Amino acid sequence: MEELLTIRESAARMRMSVSAFYDHVRPTLPVVSAGRRKMVRAEDLAQWTEAHRITGGVQNASAR
């Protein structure tokens, strides 16, 4: 069975507040509804993280 995370657990994995998660990540992720609770597939969260990864150090480092 696939791993499902609550929004709070998902935000904690991303090391961000729940409100920041709702603002920046949640709108682009599919969710599973379980009653009033919204769940995120751990695999979807991992794919989102990989798709938004910045390689080569700090973004815009050459602008300094």
Protein backbone atom coordinates (compact mmCIF):
# COMPACT_ATOMS: atom_id res chain seq x y z
CA MET A 1 0.00 0.00 0.00
CA GLU A 2 1.26 3.48 -0.83
CA GLU A 3 2.24 5.91 1.91
CA LEU A 4 -0.19 8.79 2.48
CA LEU A 5 0.80 11.89 4.43
CA THR A 6 -1.37 14.49 6.09
CA ILE A 7 -0.81 18.10 5.06
CA ARG A 8 0.99 18.69 8.38
CA GLU A 9 3.27 15.69 7.78
CA SER A 10 3.94 16.82 4.22
CA ALA A 11 4.86 20.32 5.40
CA ALA A 12 7.16 18.85 8.05
CA ARG A 13 8.95 16.75 5.42
CA MET A 14 9.47 19.90 3.39
CA ARG A 15 10.68 21.75 6.52
CA MET A 16 8.14 24.52 6.08
CA SER A 17 5.08 25.79 7.88
CA VAL A 18 1.67 24.40 7.02
CA SER A 19 0.58 27.80 5.69
CA ALA A 20 3.65 28.04 3.44
CA PHE A 21 2.96 24.50 2.21
CA TYR A 22 -0.65 25.45 1.38
CA ASP A 23 0.51 28.61 -0.42
CA HIS A 24 3.40 27.22 -2.45
CA VAL A 25 3.22 23.43 -2.79
CA ARG A 26 -0.33 22.21 -2.20
CA PRO A 27 -1.94 23.95 -5.21
CA THR A 28 0.22 21.87 -7.57
CA LEU A 29 -0.18 18.46 -5.88
CA PRO A 30 -3.04 16.03 -6.27
CA VAL A 31 -4.68 15.10 -2.96
CA VAL A 32 -6.66 12.14 -1.70
CA SER A 33 -9.75 13.08 0.29
CA ALA A 34 -10.59 10.96 3.31
CA GLY A 35 -13.65 12.64 4.73
CA ARG A 36 -12.57 16.17 5.67
CA ARG A 37 -8.91 15.17 5.76
CA LYS A 38 -6.70 15.79 2.74
CA MET A 39 -3.79 13.42 2.19
CA VAL A 40 -0.80 13.63 -0.13
CA ARG A 41 0.90 10.59 -1.63
CA ALA A 42 4.52 10.46 -0.46
CA GLU A 43 5.55 9.58 -4.02
CA ASP A 44 3.83 12.72 -5.40
CA LEU A 45 5.63 14.86 -2.82
CA ALA A 46 8.97 13.28 -3.74
CA GLN A 47 8.31 13.90 -7.45
CA TRP A 48 7.37 17.53 -6.76
CA THR A 49 10.58 18.01 -4.79
CA GLU A 50 12.68 16.52 -7.59
CA ALA A 51 10.95 18.66 -10.23
CA HIS A 52 11.68 21.84 -8.23
CA ARG A 53 15.27 21.01 -7.31
CA ILE A 54 17.89 23.63 -8.11
CA THR A 55 21.21 22.21 -9.24
CA GLY A 56 24.59 23.90 -9.23
CA GLY A 57 24.30 25.71 -5.91
CA VAL A 58 22.31 28.75 -4.92
CA GLN A 59 19.88 30.13 -7.49
CA ASN A 60 20.96 33.50 -8.93
CA ALA A 61 24.39 33.28 -7.27
CA SER A 62 25.94 35.09 -10.24
CA ALA A 63 23.78 38.17 -9.55
CA ARG A 64 25.82 39.02 -6.42
